[in-house]
C-alpha cells in the first residue's frame, strides 16, 4: 500500500483549509472527538439546535463550510461550556462554535439567528462604552430592535425591584485599557 492509500479518514477530511483554520482559531484539537454524544447530552439548548455539537464538529471535519456557517446551532450556543466539561477528550467545543460565529460574520454569511447576533452586538456595545455590561441598556436597545416592549415587562420590573438592574451604568476606571482591547481586536 502506498502512503496515500494508508491515510486515515480523519487525515483525509481534516486536511481541508477550513478545518485547519477552525482548529487554529479555536485553539483546540476537535479531531479528538469520537462522537460519543456526551456534549449534546450536557447542552441545555440542544433541542433548539439544527445540529448537535458533535455534528458541528463532524461538519467541520468534513470541510462542509457553507453548511456549518449557515447553521443555527453555532448561534444558539451560549458558551456555557457544559459540552466541553462533558467531553471525555477535553475538546473545547464552545471555542469551536465561537470561532465559527466569527468566521460567519467575517464572511458575511446570512446569519441563521440574526436576533441572537443583534443581542451579542448590544452586549459588546455596552462593554465598549462602559468597560462592563449595562443590562438595562442592553435590554432596552434589544427591545427597540425587536419592537417588543411589553412581552416580559413583569420580569423587568421584578429585576428592578430586586436591584438586579441598575438604572445608570457604571464605568470602569481604566477605560483606556478597554479601548485598547477593542482597537487591538479591530486591527487584528
N, C-alpha and C. Protein backbone atom coordinates (compact mmCIF):
# COMPACT_ATOMS: atom_id res chain seq x y z
N UNK A 1 0.83 -1.20 0.00
CA UNK A 1 0.00 0.00 0.00
C UNK A 1 0.87 1.25 0.00
N UNK A 2 0.46 2.22 -0.78
CA UNK A 2 1.18 3.49 -0.78
C UNK A 2 0.74 4.30 0.42
N UNK A 3 1.49 5.35 0.70
CA UNK A 3 1.17 6.21 1.84
C UNK A 3 -0.24 6.80 1.69
N UNK A 4 -0.59 7.23 0.50
CA UNK A 4 -1.90 7.83 0.26
C UNK A 4 -3.03 6.84 0.53
N UNK A 5 -2.82 5.58 0.17
CA UNK A 5 -3.87 4.59 0.42
C UNK A 5 -3.97 4.23 1.89
N UNK A 6 -2.94 4.49 2.65
CA UNK A 6 -2.90 4.12 4.05
C UNK A 6 -3.37 5.25 4.98
N UNK A 7 -3.70 6.41 4.43
CA UNK A 7 -4.14 7.53 5.26
C UNK A 7 -5.46 7.19 5.94
N UNK A 8 -5.62 7.72 7.13
CA UNK A 8 -6.89 7.52 7.82
C UNK A 8 -7.92 8.49 7.27
N UNK A 9 -9.17 8.17 7.52
CA UNK A 9 -10.26 9.06 7.08
C UNK A 9 -10.09 10.43 7.70
N UNK A 10 -9.73 10.48 8.98
CA UNK A 10 -9.55 11.76 9.65
C UNK A 10 -8.49 12.61 8.95
N UNK A 11 -7.38 12.01 8.57
CA UNK A 11 -6.34 12.76 7.90
C UNK A 11 -6.81 13.30 6.56
N UNK A 12 -7.61 12.54 5.87
CA UNK A 12 -8.10 12.98 4.56
C UNK A 12 -9.05 14.17 4.73
N UNK A 13 -10.05 14.02 5.60
CA UNK A 13 -11.07 15.06 5.71
C UNK A 13 -10.58 16.30 6.42
N UNK A 14 -9.82 16.15 7.48
CA UNK A 14 -9.41 17.32 8.24
C UNK A 14 -8.22 18.02 7.64
N UNK A 15 -7.81 17.59 6.49
CA UNK A 15 -6.76 18.29 5.77
C UNK A 15 -7.28 19.52 5.05
N UNK A 16 -8.58 19.76 5.09
CA UNK A 16 -9.14 20.91 4.39
C UNK A 16 -8.67 22.21 5.03
N UNK A 17 -8.57 23.25 4.22
CA UNK A 17 -8.17 24.56 4.73
C UNK A 17 -9.17 25.06 5.77
N UNK A 18 -10.44 24.78 5.56
CA UNK A 18 -11.47 25.21 6.50
C UNK A 18 -11.24 24.58 7.87
N UNK A 19 -11.05 23.27 7.91
CA UNK A 19 -10.83 22.58 9.19
C UNK A 19 -9.57 23.10 9.87
N UNK A 20 -8.52 23.33 9.10
CA UNK A 20 -7.27 23.85 9.67
C UNK A 20 -7.48 25.23 10.27
N UNK A 21 -8.24 26.08 9.58
CA UNK A 21 -8.49 27.42 10.08
C UNK A 21 -9.32 27.39 11.36
N UNK A 22 -10.34 26.55 11.40
CA UNK A 22 -11.17 26.44 12.60
C UNK A 22 -10.32 25.94 13.77
N UNK A 23 -9.50 24.94 13.52
CA UNK A 23 -8.64 24.39 14.57
C UNK A 23 -7.69 25.46 15.11
N UNK A 24 -7.12 26.25 14.22
CA UNK A 24 -6.20 27.30 14.63
C UNK A 24 -6.92 28.38 15.43
N UNK A 25 -8.07 28.82 14.97
CA UNK A 25 -8.83 29.87 15.65
C UNK A 25 -9.37 29.40 17.00
N UNK A 26 -9.84 28.19 17.06
CA UNK A 26 -10.44 27.67 18.30
C UNK A 26 -9.39 27.27 19.32
N UNK A 27 -8.21 26.92 18.85
CA UNK A 27 -7.15 26.52 19.76
C UNK A 27 -7.43 25.19 20.45
N UNK A 28 -8.17 24.32 19.78
CA UNK A 28 -8.47 23.01 20.33
C UNK A 28 -8.41 21.97 19.22
N UNK A 29 -8.05 20.77 19.59
CA UNK A 29 -7.97 19.69 18.60
C UNK A 29 -9.30 18.94 18.57
N UNK A 30 -10.19 19.39 17.70
CA UNK A 30 -11.51 18.75 17.60
C UNK A 30 -11.44 17.37 16.96
N UNK A 31 -10.28 17.01 16.43
CA UNK A 31 -10.13 15.67 15.88
C UNK A 31 -10.10 14.60 16.98
N UNK A 32 -9.95 15.02 18.22
CA UNK A 32 -10.01 14.09 19.35
C UNK A 32 -11.45 13.62 19.60
N UNK A 33 -12.42 14.30 19.00
CA UNK A 33 -13.83 13.94 19.18
C UNK A 33 -14.10 12.58 18.54
N UNK A 34 -14.66 11.67 19.32
CA UNK A 34 -15.06 10.39 18.73
C UNK A 34 -16.58 10.23 18.75
N UNK A 35 -17.27 11.36 18.81
CA UNK A 35 -18.71 11.44 18.60
C UNK A 35 -19.50 10.53 19.54
N UNK A 36 -19.17 10.64 20.82
CA UNK A 36 -19.83 9.83 21.84
C UNK A 36 -21.17 10.43 22.27
N UNK A 37 -21.46 11.67 21.86
CA UNK A 37 -22.70 12.40 22.13
C UNK A 37 -22.80 12.95 23.55
N UNK A 38 -21.73 12.87 24.32
CA UNK A 38 -21.75 13.44 25.67
C UNK A 38 -22.00 14.94 25.63
N UNK A 39 -21.46 15.61 24.64
CA UNK A 39 -21.62 17.07 24.53
C UNK A 39 -23.08 17.45 24.36
N UNK A 40 -23.78 16.76 23.48
CA UNK A 40 -25.20 17.05 23.27
C UNK A 40 -26.04 16.75 24.49
N UNK A 41 -25.65 15.73 25.24
CA UNK A 41 -26.37 15.40 26.47
C UNK A 41 -26.20 16.45 27.54
N UNK A 42 -25.08 17.16 27.52
CA UNK A 42 -24.84 18.20 28.51
C UNK A 42 -25.31 19.57 28.09
N UNK A 43 -25.69 19.73 26.83
CA UNK A 43 -26.08 21.05 26.31
C UNK A 43 -27.52 21.39 26.68
N UNK A 44 -27.73 22.52 27.39
CA UNK A 44 -29.10 22.88 27.77
C UNK A 44 -29.94 23.38 26.59
N UNK A 45 -29.31 23.63 25.45
CA UNK A 45 -30.04 24.17 24.30
C UNK A 45 -30.05 23.23 23.09
N UNK A 46 -29.63 22.00 23.28
CA UNK A 46 -29.51 21.07 22.15
C UNK A 46 -30.84 20.85 21.42
N UNK A 47 -31.94 20.91 22.13
CA UNK A 47 -33.24 20.70 21.48
C UNK A 47 -33.59 21.80 20.49
N UNK A 48 -33.00 22.97 20.65
CA UNK A 48 -33.27 24.09 19.75
C UNK A 48 -32.31 24.13 18.57
N UNK A 49 -31.31 23.27 18.59
CA UNK A 49 -30.26 23.29 17.56
C UNK A 49 -30.63 22.44 16.36
N UNK A 50 -30.17 22.87 15.19
CA UNK A 50 -30.36 22.05 14.00
C UNK A 50 -29.30 20.94 13.92
N UNK A 51 -28.15 21.15 14.54
CA UNK A 51 -27.10 20.13 14.63
C UNK A 51 -26.62 20.08 16.08
N UNK A 52 -26.41 18.89 16.60
CA UNK A 52 -25.82 18.74 17.92
C UNK A 52 -24.36 19.18 17.87
N UNK A 53 -23.76 19.48 19.02
CA UNK A 53 -22.36 19.94 18.99
C UNK A 53 -21.40 19.00 18.27
N UNK A 54 -21.53 17.70 18.49
CA UNK A 54 -20.63 16.77 17.80
C UNK A 54 -20.89 16.76 16.29
N UNK A 55 -22.11 17.04 15.87
CA UNK A 55 -22.41 17.11 14.44
C UNK A 55 -21.77 18.34 13.81
N UNK A 56 -21.71 19.43 14.56
CA UNK A 56 -21.00 20.63 14.08
C UNK A 56 -19.53 20.28 13.88
N UNK A 57 -18.95 19.60 14.86
CA UNK A 57 -17.55 19.17 14.75
C UNK A 57 -17.36 18.31 13.50
N UNK A 58 -18.29 17.39 13.27
CA UNK A 58 -18.16 16.49 12.11
C UNK A 58 -18.26 17.27 10.80
N UNK A 59 -19.16 18.24 10.74
CA UNK A 59 -19.26 19.06 9.54
C UNK A 59 -17.95 19.80 9.27
N UNK A 60 -17.33 20.29 10.32
CA UNK A 60 -16.03 20.96 10.17
C UNK A 60 -15.00 19.95 9.67
N UNK A 61 -14.97 18.78 10.28
CA UNK A 61 -14.02 17.75 9.87
C UNK A 61 -14.20 17.39 8.39
N UNK A 62 -15.43 17.39 7.94
CA UNK A 62 -15.71 17.05 6.54
C UNK A 62 -15.50 18.23 5.59
N UNK A 63 -15.18 19.40 6.15
CA UNK A 63 -14.94 20.57 5.31
C UNK A 63 -16.20 21.19 4.75
N UNK A 64 -17.34 20.98 5.39
CA UNK A 64 -18.62 21.48 4.89
C UNK A 64 -18.88 22.88 5.43
N UNK A 65 -18.07 23.79 4.96
CA UNK A 65 -18.02 25.16 5.44
C UNK A 65 -19.36 25.88 5.33
N UNK A 66 -19.94 25.89 4.17
CA UNK A 66 -21.20 26.61 3.95
C UNK A 66 -22.29 26.10 4.89
N UNK A 67 -22.41 24.81 4.99
CA UNK A 67 -23.45 24.20 5.82
C UNK A 67 -23.28 24.56 7.30
N UNK A 68 -22.05 24.50 7.78
CA UNK A 68 -21.83 24.78 9.20
C UNK A 68 -21.94 26.27 9.50
N UNK A 69 -21.46 27.14 8.63
CA UNK A 69 -21.53 28.58 8.88
C UNK A 69 -22.97 29.12 8.76
N UNK A 70 -23.81 28.42 8.04
CA UNK A 70 -25.21 28.84 7.91
C UNK A 70 -26.12 28.16 8.93
N UNK A 71 -25.58 27.36 9.82
CA UNK A 71 -26.41 26.64 10.78
C UNK A 71 -26.87 27.54 11.92
N UNK A 72 -27.98 27.18 12.52
CA UNK A 72 -28.48 27.88 13.70
C UNK A 72 -27.68 27.52 14.94
N UNK A 73 -27.18 26.31 14.99
CA UNK A 73 -26.52 25.79 16.19
C UNK A 73 -25.38 26.67 16.68
N UNK A 74 -24.59 27.19 15.76
CA UNK A 74 -23.44 27.98 16.19
C UNK A 74 -23.89 29.27 16.89
N UNK A 75 -25.08 29.75 16.58
CA UNK A 75 -25.60 30.97 17.21
C UNK A 75 -26.38 30.65 18.48
N UNK A 76 -26.98 29.50 18.53
CA UNK A 76 -27.75 29.12 19.72
C UNK A 76 -26.83 28.80 20.90
N UNK A 77 -25.63 28.34 20.62
CA UNK A 77 -24.66 28.05 21.68
C UNK A 77 -24.42 29.31 22.50
N UNK A 78 -24.54 29.19 23.83
CA UNK A 78 -24.35 30.34 24.72
C UNK A 78 -22.97 30.34 25.37
N UNK A 79 -22.13 29.38 25.01
CA UNK A 79 -20.78 29.34 25.56
C UNK A 79 -20.73 28.96 27.02
N UNK A 80 -21.67 28.16 27.48
CA UNK A 80 -21.72 27.77 28.89
C UNK A 80 -20.65 26.73 29.23
N UNK A 81 -20.08 26.12 28.21
CA UNK A 81 -19.02 25.10 28.33
C UNK A 81 -19.47 23.77 28.93
N UNK A 82 -20.78 23.56 29.06
CA UNK A 82 -21.24 22.24 29.53
C UNK A 82 -20.77 21.14 28.58
N UNK A 83 -20.80 21.41 27.29
CA UNK A 83 -20.36 20.41 26.31
C UNK A 83 -18.89 20.06 26.51
N UNK A 84 -18.07 21.08 26.74
CA UNK A 84 -16.64 20.86 26.92
C UNK A 84 -16.36 20.11 28.21
N UNK A 85 -17.12 20.40 29.26
CA UNK A 85 -16.95 19.71 30.53
C UNK A 85 -17.34 18.24 30.39
N UNK A 86 -18.39 17.97 29.61
CA UNK A 86 -18.85 16.60 29.41
C UNK A 86 -17.94 15.78 28.50
N UNK A 87 -17.15 16.46 27.67
CA UNK A 87 -16.32 15.77 26.68
C UNK A 87 -15.22 14.95 27.35
N UNK A 88 -15.19 13.64 27.10
CA UNK A 88 -14.14 12.81 27.71
C UNK A 88 -12.74 13.09 27.15
N UNK A 89 -12.67 13.79 26.03
CA UNK A 89 -11.38 14.11 25.40
C UNK A 89 -11.02 15.58 25.53
N UNK A 90 -11.78 16.32 26.33
CA UNK A 90 -11.50 17.73 26.61
C UNK A 90 -11.46 18.61 25.36
N UNK A 91 -12.32 18.32 24.40
CA UNK A 91 -12.43 19.17 23.22
C UNK A 91 -13.22 20.42 23.65
N UNK A 92 -12.67 21.59 23.39
CA UNK A 92 -13.33 22.85 23.75
C UNK A 92 -14.32 23.19 22.64
N UNK A 93 -15.49 22.60 22.72
CA UNK A 93 -16.50 22.73 21.67
C UNK A 93 -17.03 24.16 21.59
N UNK A 94 -17.19 24.82 22.72
CA UNK A 94 -17.69 26.19 22.67
C UNK A 94 -16.68 27.12 21.99
N UNK A 95 -15.39 26.83 22.09
CA UNK A 95 -14.38 27.61 21.36
C UNK A 95 -14.53 27.39 19.86
N UNK A 96 -14.88 26.18 19.47
CA UNK A 96 -15.12 25.89 18.05
C UNK A 96 -16.32 26.68 17.55
N UNK A 97 -17.42 26.66 18.28
CA UNK A 97 -18.61 27.40 17.83
C UNK A 97 -18.35 28.90 17.82
N UNK A 98 -17.59 29.38 18.79
CA UNK A 98 -17.24 30.81 18.80
C UNK A 98 -16.43 31.17 17.55
N UNK A 99 -15.46 30.34 17.22
CA UNK A 99 -14.65 30.57 16.02
C UNK A 99 -15.52 30.56 14.76
N UNK A 100 -16.47 29.63 14.73
CA UNK A 100 -17.36 29.54 13.56
C UNK A 100 -18.24 30.78 13.44
N UNK A 101 -18.73 31.30 14.55
CA UNK A 101 -19.52 32.53 14.52
C UNK A 101 -18.69 33.69 13.98
N UNK A 102 -17.46 33.80 14.45
CA UNK A 102 -16.58 34.86 13.95
C UNK A 102 -16.38 34.74 12.45
N UNK A 103 -16.16 33.52 11.99
CA UNK A 103 -15.94 33.30 10.56
C UNK A 103 -17.19 33.65 9.76
N UNK A 104 -18.37 33.31 10.29
CA UNK A 104 -19.62 33.60 9.60
C UNK A 104 -19.81 35.11 9.45
N UNK A 105 -19.51 35.86 10.49
CA UNK A 105 -19.65 37.31 10.44
C UNK A 105 -18.63 37.90 9.46
N UNK A 106 -17.38 37.46 9.55
CA UNK A 106 -16.33 37.96 8.66
C UNK A 106 -16.63 37.69 7.19
N UNK A 107 -17.22 36.53 6.93
CA UNK A 107 -17.52 36.16 5.55
C UNK A 107 -18.89 36.62 5.09
N UNK A 108 -19.56 37.37 5.95
CA UNK A 108 -20.87 37.96 5.64
C UNK A 108 -21.89 36.90 5.20
N UNK A 109 -21.84 35.76 5.90
CA UNK A 109 -22.80 34.69 5.67
C UNK A 109 -24.15 35.15 6.24
N UNK A 110 -25.23 34.76 5.61
CA UNK A 110 -26.55 35.07 6.16
C UNK A 110 -26.68 34.35 7.50
N UNK A 111 -26.78 35.14 8.55
CA UNK A 111 -26.82 34.59 9.91
C UNK A 111 -28.17 33.93 10.14
N UNK A 112 -28.11 32.68 10.57
CA UNK A 112 -29.34 31.90 10.77
C UNK A 112 -30.17 32.42 11.94
N UNK A 113 -29.53 33.05 12.90
CA UNK A 113 -30.22 33.59 14.08
C UNK A 113 -29.84 35.06 14.27
N UNK A 114 -30.38 35.96 13.42
CA UNK A 114 -29.96 37.37 13.48
C UNK A 114 -30.31 38.04 14.80
N UNK A 115 -31.36 37.59 15.48
CA UNK A 115 -31.71 38.20 16.76
C UNK A 115 -30.63 37.93 17.81
N UNK A 116 -30.07 36.75 17.79
CA UNK A 116 -29.01 36.41 18.73
C UNK A 116 -27.77 37.24 18.45
N UNK A 117 -27.42 37.40 17.18
CA UNK A 117 -26.28 38.23 16.81
C UNK A 117 -26.51 39.67 17.28
N UNK A 118 -27.69 40.19 17.08
CA UNK A 118 -28.01 41.56 17.50
C UNK A 118 -27.86 41.70 19.01
N UNK A 119 -28.31 40.71 19.76
CA UNK A 119 -28.17 40.76 21.22
C UNK A 119 -26.69 40.79 21.60
N UNK A 120 -25.88 39.94 20.98
CA UNK A 120 -24.44 39.93 21.26
C UNK A 120 -23.81 41.28 20.93
N UNK A 121 -24.23 41.89 19.84
CA UNK A 121 -23.69 43.19 19.46
C UNK A 121 -24.04 44.25 20.51
N UNK A 122 -25.25 44.19 21.05
CA UNK A 122 -25.64 45.15 22.09
C UNK A 122 -24.82 44.95 23.36
N UNK A 123 -24.53 43.71 23.71
CA UNK A 123 -23.68 43.44 24.88
C UNK A 123 -22.30 44.07 24.65
N UNK A 124 -21.71 43.82 23.48
CA UNK A 124 -20.39 44.38 23.19
C UNK A 124 -20.41 45.90 23.15
N UNK A 125 -21.50 46.48 22.66
CA UNK A 125 -21.60 47.95 22.63
C UNK A 125 -21.51 48.54 24.03
N UNK A 126 -22.18 47.92 25.01
CA UNK A 126 -22.12 48.47 26.37
C UNK A 126 -20.73 48.27 26.97
N UNK A 127 -20.09 47.15 26.67
CA UNK A 127 -18.73 46.94 27.17
C UNK A 127 -17.80 47.99 26.56
N UNK A 128 -17.99 48.28 25.29
CA UNK A 128 -17.18 49.30 24.61
C UNK A 128 -17.40 50.67 25.24
N UNK A 129 -18.63 51.00 25.61
CA UNK A 129 -18.94 52.30 26.19
C UNK A 129 -18.52 52.43 27.65
N UNK A 130 -18.72 51.38 28.44
CA UNK A 130 -18.56 51.49 29.89
C UNK A 130 -17.48 50.58 30.47
N UNK A 131 -16.98 49.64 29.68
CA UNK A 131 -16.00 48.71 30.20
C UNK A 131 -16.63 47.51 30.87
N UNK A 132 -17.92 47.49 30.97
CA UNK A 132 -18.69 46.37 31.53
C UNK A 132 -20.10 46.44 30.95
N UNK A 133 -20.86 45.41 31.21
CA UNK A 133 -22.21 45.40 30.67
C UNK A 133 -23.14 46.27 31.50
N UNK A 134 -24.10 46.86 30.83
CA UNK A 134 -25.20 47.57 31.50
C UNK A 134 -26.49 46.90 31.02
N UNK A 135 -26.97 46.00 31.86
CA UNK A 135 -28.06 45.12 31.46
C UNK A 135 -29.31 45.87 31.02
N UNK A 136 -29.66 46.92 31.72
CA UNK A 136 -30.87 47.66 31.36
C UNK A 136 -30.76 48.26 29.96
N UNK A 137 -29.62 48.84 29.66
CA UNK A 137 -29.42 49.41 28.32
C UNK A 137 -29.45 48.32 27.25
N UNK A 138 -28.82 47.19 27.53
CA UNK A 138 -28.82 46.08 26.58
C UNK A 138 -30.26 45.66 26.29
N UNK A 139 -31.02 45.48 27.35
CA UNK A 139 -32.42 45.04 27.19
C UNK A 139 -33.25 46.08 26.43
N UNK A 140 -33.09 47.35 26.78
CA UNK A 140 -33.88 48.39 26.11
C UNK A 140 -33.53 48.50 24.63
N UNK A 141 -32.25 48.46 24.31
CA UNK A 141 -31.84 48.54 22.90
C UNK A 141 -32.32 47.31 22.11
N UNK A 142 -32.23 46.16 22.75
CA UNK A 142 -32.69 44.94 22.08
C UNK A 142 -34.21 44.98 21.90
N UNK A 143 -34.93 45.44 22.90
CA UNK A 143 -36.39 45.57 22.79
C UNK A 143 -36.76 46.54 21.67
N UNK A 144 -36.01 47.62 21.56
CA UNK A 144 -36.25 48.59 20.49
C UNK A 144 -36.04 47.93 19.13
N UNK A 145 -34.97 47.17 19.01
CA UNK A 145 -34.68 46.45 17.76
C UNK A 145 -35.81 45.48 17.42
N UNK A 146 -36.28 44.74 18.41
CA UNK A 146 -37.34 43.74 18.19
C UNK A 146 -38.73 44.36 18.09
N UNK A 147 -38.86 45.60 18.53
CA UNK A 147 -40.17 46.27 18.60
C UNK A 147 -41.14 45.44 19.47
N UNK A 148 -40.59 44.97 20.57
CA UNK A 148 -41.33 44.13 21.51
C UNK A 148 -41.10 44.70 22.91
N UNK A 149 -41.90 45.67 23.27
CA UNK A 149 -41.67 46.42 24.51
C UNK A 149 -42.24 45.75 25.75
N UNK A 150 -43.32 45.04 25.65
CA UNK A 150 -44.06 44.67 26.86
C UNK A 150 -44.15 43.18 27.15
N UNK A 151 -43.60 42.31 26.31
CA UNK A 151 -43.81 40.88 26.49
C UNK A 151 -43.24 40.34 27.81
N UNK A 152 -42.19 40.92 28.29
CA UNK A 152 -41.62 40.46 29.55
C UNK A 152 -41.38 41.61 30.53
N UNK A 153 -42.26 42.57 30.48
CA UNK A 153 -42.13 43.74 31.35
C UNK A 153 -42.22 43.36 32.83
N UNK A 154 -43.04 42.37 33.15
CA UNK A 154 -43.16 41.93 34.54
C UNK A 154 -41.83 41.45 35.10
N UNK A 155 -41.10 40.71 34.29
CA UNK A 155 -39.78 40.21 34.72
C UNK A 155 -38.84 41.39 34.93
N UNK A 156 -38.86 42.34 34.01
CA UNK A 156 -38.01 43.52 34.13
C UNK A 156 -38.31 44.32 35.38
N UNK A 157 -39.59 44.46 35.71
CA UNK A 157 -39.97 45.20 36.92
C UNK A 157 -39.49 44.46 38.17
N UNK A 158 -39.61 43.13 38.17
CA UNK A 158 -39.12 42.35 39.32
C UNK A 158 -37.61 42.50 39.47
N UNK A 159 -36.90 42.51 38.34
CA UNK A 159 -35.44 42.66 38.39
C UNK A 159 -35.07 44.04 38.94
N UNK A 160 -35.80 45.06 38.52
CA UNK A 160 -35.55 46.41 39.05
C UNK A 160 -35.83 46.45 40.55
N UNK A 161 -36.94 45.87 40.97
CA UNK A 161 -37.31 45.88 42.39
C UNK A 161 -36.28 45.15 43.24
N UNK A 162 -35.67 44.11 42.71
CA UNK A 162 -34.66 43.34 43.45
C UNK A 162 -33.24 43.86 43.24
N UNK A 163 -33.15 45.01 42.61
CA UNK A 163 -31.86 45.66 42.33
C UNK A 163 -30.93 44.80 41.48
N UNK A 164 -31.51 44.05 40.57
CA UNK A 164 -30.74 43.25 39.62
C UNK A 164 -30.42 44.04 38.36
N UNK A 165 -31.09 45.17 38.19
CA UNK A 165 -30.83 46.07 37.07
C UNK A 165 -30.52 47.45 37.62
N UNK A 166 -29.39 47.97 37.25
CA UNK A 166 -29.03 49.33 37.65
C UNK A 166 -29.60 50.30 36.63
N UNK A 167 -30.19 51.39 37.11
CA UNK A 167 -30.74 52.38 36.20
C UNK A 167 -29.64 53.09 35.40
N UNK A 168 -28.56 53.42 36.08
CA UNK A 168 -27.45 54.11 35.42
C UNK A 168 -26.26 53.17 35.29
N UNK A 169 -25.55 53.27 34.19
CA UNK A 169 -24.39 52.38 34.01
C UNK A 169 -23.22 52.83 34.89
N UNK A 170 -22.42 51.88 35.30
CA UNK A 170 -21.16 52.22 35.97
C UNK A 170 -20.05 51.99 34.95
N UNK A 171 -19.00 52.75 35.12
CA UNK A 171 -17.91 52.71 34.16
C UNK A 171 -16.64 52.24 34.88
N UNK A 172 -15.84 51.42 34.20
CA UNK A 172 -14.57 51.01 34.79
C UNK A 172 -13.64 52.21 34.84
N UNK A 173 -12.70 52.18 35.76
CA UNK A 173 -11.80 53.33 35.91
C UNK A 173 -10.74 53.39 34.81
N UNK A 174 -10.37 52.24 34.25
CA UNK A 174 -9.32 52.20 33.23
C UNK A 174 -9.92 52.01 31.83
N UNK A 175 -10.73 52.95 31.40
CA UNK A 175 -11.37 52.84 30.09
C UNK A 175 -10.34 52.78 28.96
N UNK A 176 -9.18 53.36 29.17
CA UNK A 176 -8.15 53.30 28.11
C UNK A 176 -7.75 51.87 27.81
N UNK A 177 -7.77 51.01 28.83
CA UNK A 177 -7.45 49.59 28.61
C UNK A 177 -8.55 48.90 27.80
N UNK A 178 -9.78 49.26 28.06
CA UNK A 178 -10.90 48.70 27.31
C UNK A 178 -10.83 49.16 25.86
N UNK A 179 -10.61 50.42 25.64
CA UNK A 179 -10.49 50.96 24.28
C UNK A 179 -9.32 50.29 23.54
N UNK A 180 -8.21 50.08 24.27
CA UNK A 180 -7.05 49.42 23.68
C UNK A 180 -7.42 48.01 23.23
N UNK A 181 -8.14 47.27 24.08
CA UNK A 181 -8.55 45.90 23.74
C UNK A 181 -9.43 45.89 22.49
N UNK A 182 -10.37 46.82 22.40
CA UNK A 182 -11.24 46.88 21.22
C UNK A 182 -10.44 47.27 19.99
N UNK A 183 -9.50 48.20 20.13
CA UNK A 183 -8.68 48.60 18.99
C UNK A 183 -7.79 47.47 18.50
N UNK A 184 -7.26 46.67 19.45
CA UNK A 184 -6.44 45.51 19.09
C UNK A 184 -7.25 44.53 18.28
N UNK A 185 -8.48 44.29 18.70
CA UNK A 185 -9.34 43.33 18.01
C UNK A 185 -9.64 43.82 16.58
N UNK A 186 -9.89 45.13 16.45
CA UNK A 186 -10.20 45.67 15.13
C UNK A 186 -8.98 45.63 14.21
N UNK A 187 -7.79 45.83 14.78
CA UNK A 187 -6.57 45.81 13.98
C UNK A 187 -6.18 44.40 13.56
N UNK A 188 -6.54 43.41 14.40
CA UNK A 188 -6.13 42.01 14.13
C UNK A 188 -7.10 41.31 13.34
